[in-house]
N, C-alpha and C. Protein backbone atom coordinates (compact mmCIF):
# COMPACT_ATOMS: atom_id res chain seq x y z
N MET A 1 0.85 -1.15 0.00
CA MET A 1 0.00 0.00 0.00
C MET A 1 0.91 1.23 0.00
N VAL A 2 0.89 1.96 -1.08
CA VAL A 2 1.73 3.15 -1.21
C VAL A 2 0.96 4.37 -0.69
N ARG A 3 1.55 5.03 0.29
CA ARG A 3 0.96 6.25 0.87
C ARG A 3 -0.46 6.03 1.40
N GLY A 4 -0.77 4.81 1.75
CA GLY A 4 -2.09 4.50 2.30
C GLY A 4 -2.03 4.41 3.82
N SER A 5 -3.14 4.11 4.39
CA SER A 5 -3.21 3.99 5.84
C SER A 5 -4.09 2.80 6.20
N ILE A 6 -3.48 1.77 6.79
CA ILE A 6 -4.27 0.61 7.18
C ILE A 6 -5.12 0.90 8.41
N LYS A 7 -4.91 2.06 9.02
CA LYS A 7 -5.75 2.45 10.16
C LYS A 7 -6.89 3.35 9.72
N HIS A 8 -6.83 3.87 8.52
CA HIS A 8 -7.92 4.62 7.90
C HIS A 8 -8.44 5.74 8.77
N GLY A 9 -7.70 6.79 8.84
CA GLY A 9 -8.15 7.95 9.59
C GLY A 9 -7.44 8.13 10.91
N ASP A 10 -7.80 9.20 11.57
CA ASP A 10 -7.17 9.55 12.84
C ASP A 10 -7.45 8.47 13.88
N TYR A 11 -6.46 8.17 14.66
CA TYR A 11 -6.59 7.15 15.70
C TYR A 11 -6.40 7.82 17.05
N ASN A 12 -7.42 8.55 17.48
CA ASN A 12 -7.34 9.23 18.77
C ASN A 12 -8.36 8.62 19.73
N PRO A 13 -8.27 8.90 21.02
CA PRO A 13 -9.14 8.25 22.01
C PRO A 13 -10.64 8.38 21.74
N LEU A 14 -11.06 9.45 21.08
CA LEU A 14 -12.49 9.62 20.81
C LEU A 14 -12.95 8.82 19.60
N GLN A 15 -12.01 8.20 18.89
CA GLN A 15 -12.37 7.42 17.71
C GLN A 15 -11.74 6.03 17.75
N MET A 16 -11.64 5.45 18.92
CA MET A 16 -11.06 4.11 19.04
C MET A 16 -12.10 3.14 19.59
N GLY A 17 -11.92 1.88 19.30
CA GLY A 17 -12.79 0.84 19.83
C GLY A 17 -14.24 1.08 19.48
N ALA A 18 -15.10 1.00 20.47
CA ALA A 18 -16.54 1.14 20.26
C ALA A 18 -16.93 2.53 19.75
N PHE A 19 -16.03 3.50 19.87
CA PHE A 19 -16.32 4.86 19.40
C PHE A 19 -15.94 5.06 17.93
N ARG A 20 -15.49 4.03 17.26
CA ARG A 20 -15.02 4.17 15.89
C ARG A 20 -16.13 3.79 14.94
N PRO A 21 -16.54 4.59 13.98
CA PRO A 21 -16.02 5.92 13.66
C PRO A 21 -16.64 7.04 14.49
N GLY A 22 -17.74 6.77 15.18
CA GLY A 22 -18.38 7.78 16.03
C GLY A 22 -19.41 7.11 16.92
N GLU A 23 -19.88 7.84 17.91
CA GLU A 23 -20.78 7.24 18.89
C GLU A 23 -22.14 6.87 18.32
N ASP A 24 -22.52 7.40 17.16
CA ASP A 24 -23.81 7.07 16.56
C ASP A 24 -23.78 5.80 15.72
N CYS A 25 -22.62 5.21 15.55
CA CYS A 25 -22.49 4.00 14.75
C CYS A 25 -22.18 2.83 15.67
N GLU A 26 -22.87 1.69 15.42
CA GLU A 26 -22.70 0.53 16.29
C GLU A 26 -22.86 -0.73 15.46
N ALA A 27 -21.92 -1.65 15.59
CA ALA A 27 -21.97 -2.95 14.89
C ALA A 27 -22.14 -2.78 13.39
N GLY A 28 -21.49 -1.78 12.83
CA GLY A 28 -21.57 -1.54 11.39
C GLY A 28 -22.75 -0.70 10.97
N ARG A 29 -23.71 -0.50 11.85
CA ARG A 29 -24.90 0.29 11.53
C ARG A 29 -24.58 1.78 11.61
N THR A 30 -25.32 2.56 10.82
CA THR A 30 -25.19 4.01 10.87
C THR A 30 -26.56 4.62 11.16
N THR A 31 -26.63 5.93 11.24
CA THR A 31 -27.90 6.60 11.46
C THR A 31 -28.74 6.65 10.19
N ILE A 32 -28.16 6.26 9.06
CA ILE A 32 -28.88 6.21 7.78
C ILE A 32 -29.34 4.78 7.56
N GLU A 33 -30.65 4.56 7.51
CA GLU A 33 -31.20 3.22 7.37
C GLU A 33 -30.66 2.55 6.10
N GLY A 34 -30.17 1.34 6.25
CA GLY A 34 -29.65 0.57 5.12
C GLY A 34 -28.20 0.85 4.76
N LEU A 35 -27.56 1.78 5.47
CA LEU A 35 -26.15 2.08 5.22
C LEU A 35 -25.32 1.48 6.35
N TYR A 36 -24.38 0.64 5.97
CA TYR A 36 -23.52 -0.05 6.93
C TYR A 36 -22.06 0.25 6.61
N LEU A 37 -21.21 0.26 7.63
CA LEU A 37 -19.78 0.47 7.46
C LEU A 37 -19.05 -0.82 7.79
N CYS A 38 -18.02 -1.13 7.02
CA CYS A 38 -17.31 -2.38 7.30
C CYS A 38 -15.84 -2.31 6.92
N GLY A 39 -15.21 -1.19 7.12
CA GLY A 39 -13.80 -1.07 6.81
C GLY A 39 -12.99 -0.69 8.04
N SER A 40 -11.76 -0.30 7.81
CA SER A 40 -10.86 0.05 8.91
C SER A 40 -11.36 1.22 9.72
N SER A 41 -12.26 2.01 9.14
CA SER A 41 -12.77 3.17 9.88
C SER A 41 -13.86 2.79 10.87
N SER A 42 -14.26 1.52 10.88
CA SER A 42 -15.32 1.11 11.81
C SER A 42 -14.78 0.12 12.84
N TYR A 43 -15.58 -0.13 13.89
CA TYR A 43 -15.17 -1.01 14.98
C TYR A 43 -14.80 -2.39 14.45
N PRO A 44 -13.75 -3.03 14.90
CA PRO A 44 -12.91 -2.71 16.04
C PRO A 44 -11.72 -1.82 15.73
N GLY A 45 -11.68 -1.24 14.54
CA GLY A 45 -10.64 -0.28 14.26
C GLY A 45 -9.73 -0.70 13.13
N GLY A 46 -8.58 -0.06 13.10
CA GLY A 46 -7.67 -0.17 11.99
C GLY A 46 -7.05 -1.53 11.75
N LEU A 47 -6.13 -1.54 10.84
CA LEU A 47 -5.45 -2.72 10.34
C LEU A 47 -6.39 -3.48 9.39
N ILE A 48 -5.92 -4.56 8.84
CA ILE A 48 -6.70 -5.32 7.87
C ILE A 48 -7.00 -6.67 8.49
N THR A 49 -8.15 -6.78 9.16
CA THR A 49 -8.46 -7.98 9.93
C THR A 49 -9.66 -8.75 9.43
N GLY A 50 -10.58 -8.10 8.74
CA GLY A 50 -11.82 -8.74 8.34
C GLY A 50 -12.89 -8.64 9.41
N GLY A 51 -12.51 -8.22 10.61
CA GLY A 51 -13.45 -8.11 11.72
C GLY A 51 -14.62 -7.17 11.44
N PRO A 52 -14.36 -5.95 10.94
CA PRO A 52 -15.47 -5.05 10.67
C PRO A 52 -16.47 -5.62 9.65
N GLY A 53 -15.98 -6.33 8.65
CA GLY A 53 -16.87 -6.95 7.66
C GLY A 53 -17.72 -8.04 8.28
N TYR A 54 -17.12 -8.83 9.14
CA TYR A 54 -17.85 -9.90 9.83
C TYR A 54 -18.95 -9.30 10.71
N ILE A 55 -18.62 -8.25 11.44
CA ILE A 55 -19.59 -7.60 12.32
C ILE A 55 -20.73 -6.99 11.50
N ALA A 56 -20.39 -6.28 10.41
CA ALA A 56 -21.42 -5.65 9.58
C ALA A 56 -22.30 -6.70 8.91
N ALA A 57 -21.71 -7.80 8.44
CA ALA A 57 -22.50 -8.87 7.81
C ALA A 57 -23.51 -9.45 8.79
N ASN A 58 -23.11 -9.63 10.03
CA ASN A 58 -24.03 -10.12 11.06
C ASN A 58 -25.16 -9.12 11.30
N SER A 59 -24.84 -7.84 11.35
CA SER A 59 -25.86 -6.81 11.57
C SER A 59 -26.85 -6.77 10.41
N ILE A 60 -26.33 -6.85 9.19
CA ILE A 60 -27.20 -6.83 8.01
C ILE A 60 -28.15 -8.02 8.02
N ALA A 61 -27.62 -9.20 8.29
CA ALA A 61 -28.46 -10.41 8.34
C ALA A 61 -29.53 -10.28 9.42
N GLU A 62 -29.15 -9.76 10.58
CA GLU A 62 -30.12 -9.58 11.67
C GLU A 62 -31.20 -8.58 11.29
N ASP A 63 -30.79 -7.44 10.70
CA ASP A 63 -31.75 -6.40 10.35
C ASP A 63 -32.71 -6.84 9.25
N LEU A 64 -32.24 -7.67 8.32
CA LEU A 64 -33.08 -8.14 7.21
C LEU A 64 -33.81 -9.44 7.53
N GLY A 65 -33.50 -10.02 8.67
CA GLY A 65 -34.12 -11.29 9.03
C GLY A 65 -33.66 -12.45 8.18
N VAL A 66 -32.42 -12.36 7.70
CA VAL A 66 -31.85 -13.39 6.84
C VAL A 66 -31.10 -14.40 7.71
N GLU A 67 -31.27 -15.68 7.41
CA GLU A 67 -30.54 -16.70 8.15
C GLU A 67 -29.06 -16.61 7.80
N LYS A 68 -28.23 -16.63 8.82
CA LYS A 68 -26.78 -16.56 8.60
C LYS A 68 -26.30 -17.91 8.10
N TRP A 69 -25.71 -17.92 6.91
CA TRP A 69 -25.24 -19.17 6.33
C TRP A 69 -23.78 -19.45 6.67
N TRP A 70 -23.13 -18.53 7.34
CA TRP A 70 -21.74 -18.71 7.74
C TRP A 70 -21.68 -19.06 9.22
N ARG A 71 -20.59 -19.64 9.59
CA ARG A 71 -20.36 -20.01 10.99
C ARG A 71 -19.15 -19.24 11.50
N PRO A 72 -19.18 -18.87 12.78
CA PRO A 72 -18.02 -18.17 13.34
C PRO A 72 -16.79 -19.08 13.34
N THR A 73 -15.64 -18.48 13.21
CA THR A 73 -14.40 -19.24 13.32
C THR A 73 -14.24 -19.72 14.76
N THR A 74 -13.32 -20.62 14.99
CA THR A 74 -13.08 -21.13 16.33
C THR A 74 -12.74 -20.01 17.30
N LYS A 75 -11.88 -19.09 16.87
CA LYS A 75 -11.49 -17.98 17.74
C LYS A 75 -12.66 -17.05 18.01
N MET A 76 -13.49 -16.81 16.99
CA MET A 76 -14.65 -15.94 17.19
C MET A 76 -15.64 -16.60 18.15
N SER A 77 -15.83 -17.90 18.02
CA SER A 77 -16.73 -18.62 18.94
C SER A 77 -16.24 -18.51 20.38
N ARG A 78 -14.93 -18.65 20.56
CA ARG A 78 -14.34 -18.52 21.90
C ARG A 78 -14.54 -17.11 22.45
N TYR A 79 -14.37 -16.11 21.61
CA TYR A 79 -14.57 -14.72 22.02
C TYR A 79 -16.02 -14.50 22.46
N ILE A 80 -16.97 -14.99 21.64
CA ILE A 80 -18.39 -14.82 21.95
C ILE A 80 -18.74 -15.48 23.28
N GLU A 81 -18.26 -16.70 23.47
CA GLU A 81 -18.53 -17.42 24.72
C GLU A 81 -17.95 -16.71 25.93
N THR A 82 -16.77 -16.10 25.75
CA THR A 82 -16.08 -15.45 26.86
C THR A 82 -16.64 -14.07 27.18
N TYR A 83 -16.91 -13.26 26.16
CA TYR A 83 -17.24 -11.86 26.40
C TYR A 83 -18.67 -11.45 26.06
N VAL A 84 -19.38 -12.22 25.25
CA VAL A 84 -20.70 -11.79 24.81
C VAL A 84 -21.82 -12.52 25.52
N ASP A 85 -21.74 -13.83 25.59
CA ASP A 85 -22.83 -14.62 26.20
C ASP A 85 -22.88 -14.50 27.69
């Protein structure tokens, strides 16, 4: 990546973790119905992990009432069991 940023934007305390990209956005959802974010600018933040896409895909499926045809990875399942359930 030439002159790019894998963190995609400013990385300050007000825009990190659950606050990324802003307090009005959650799990890939935005204040605009049907608009979802799933890149480095959204939770859980920068780098190229695939996490934001996974989170947004889950939100889209939930909002549309679509059955999720994918399964969480082993590490994601462990995370959900430890921190979410």
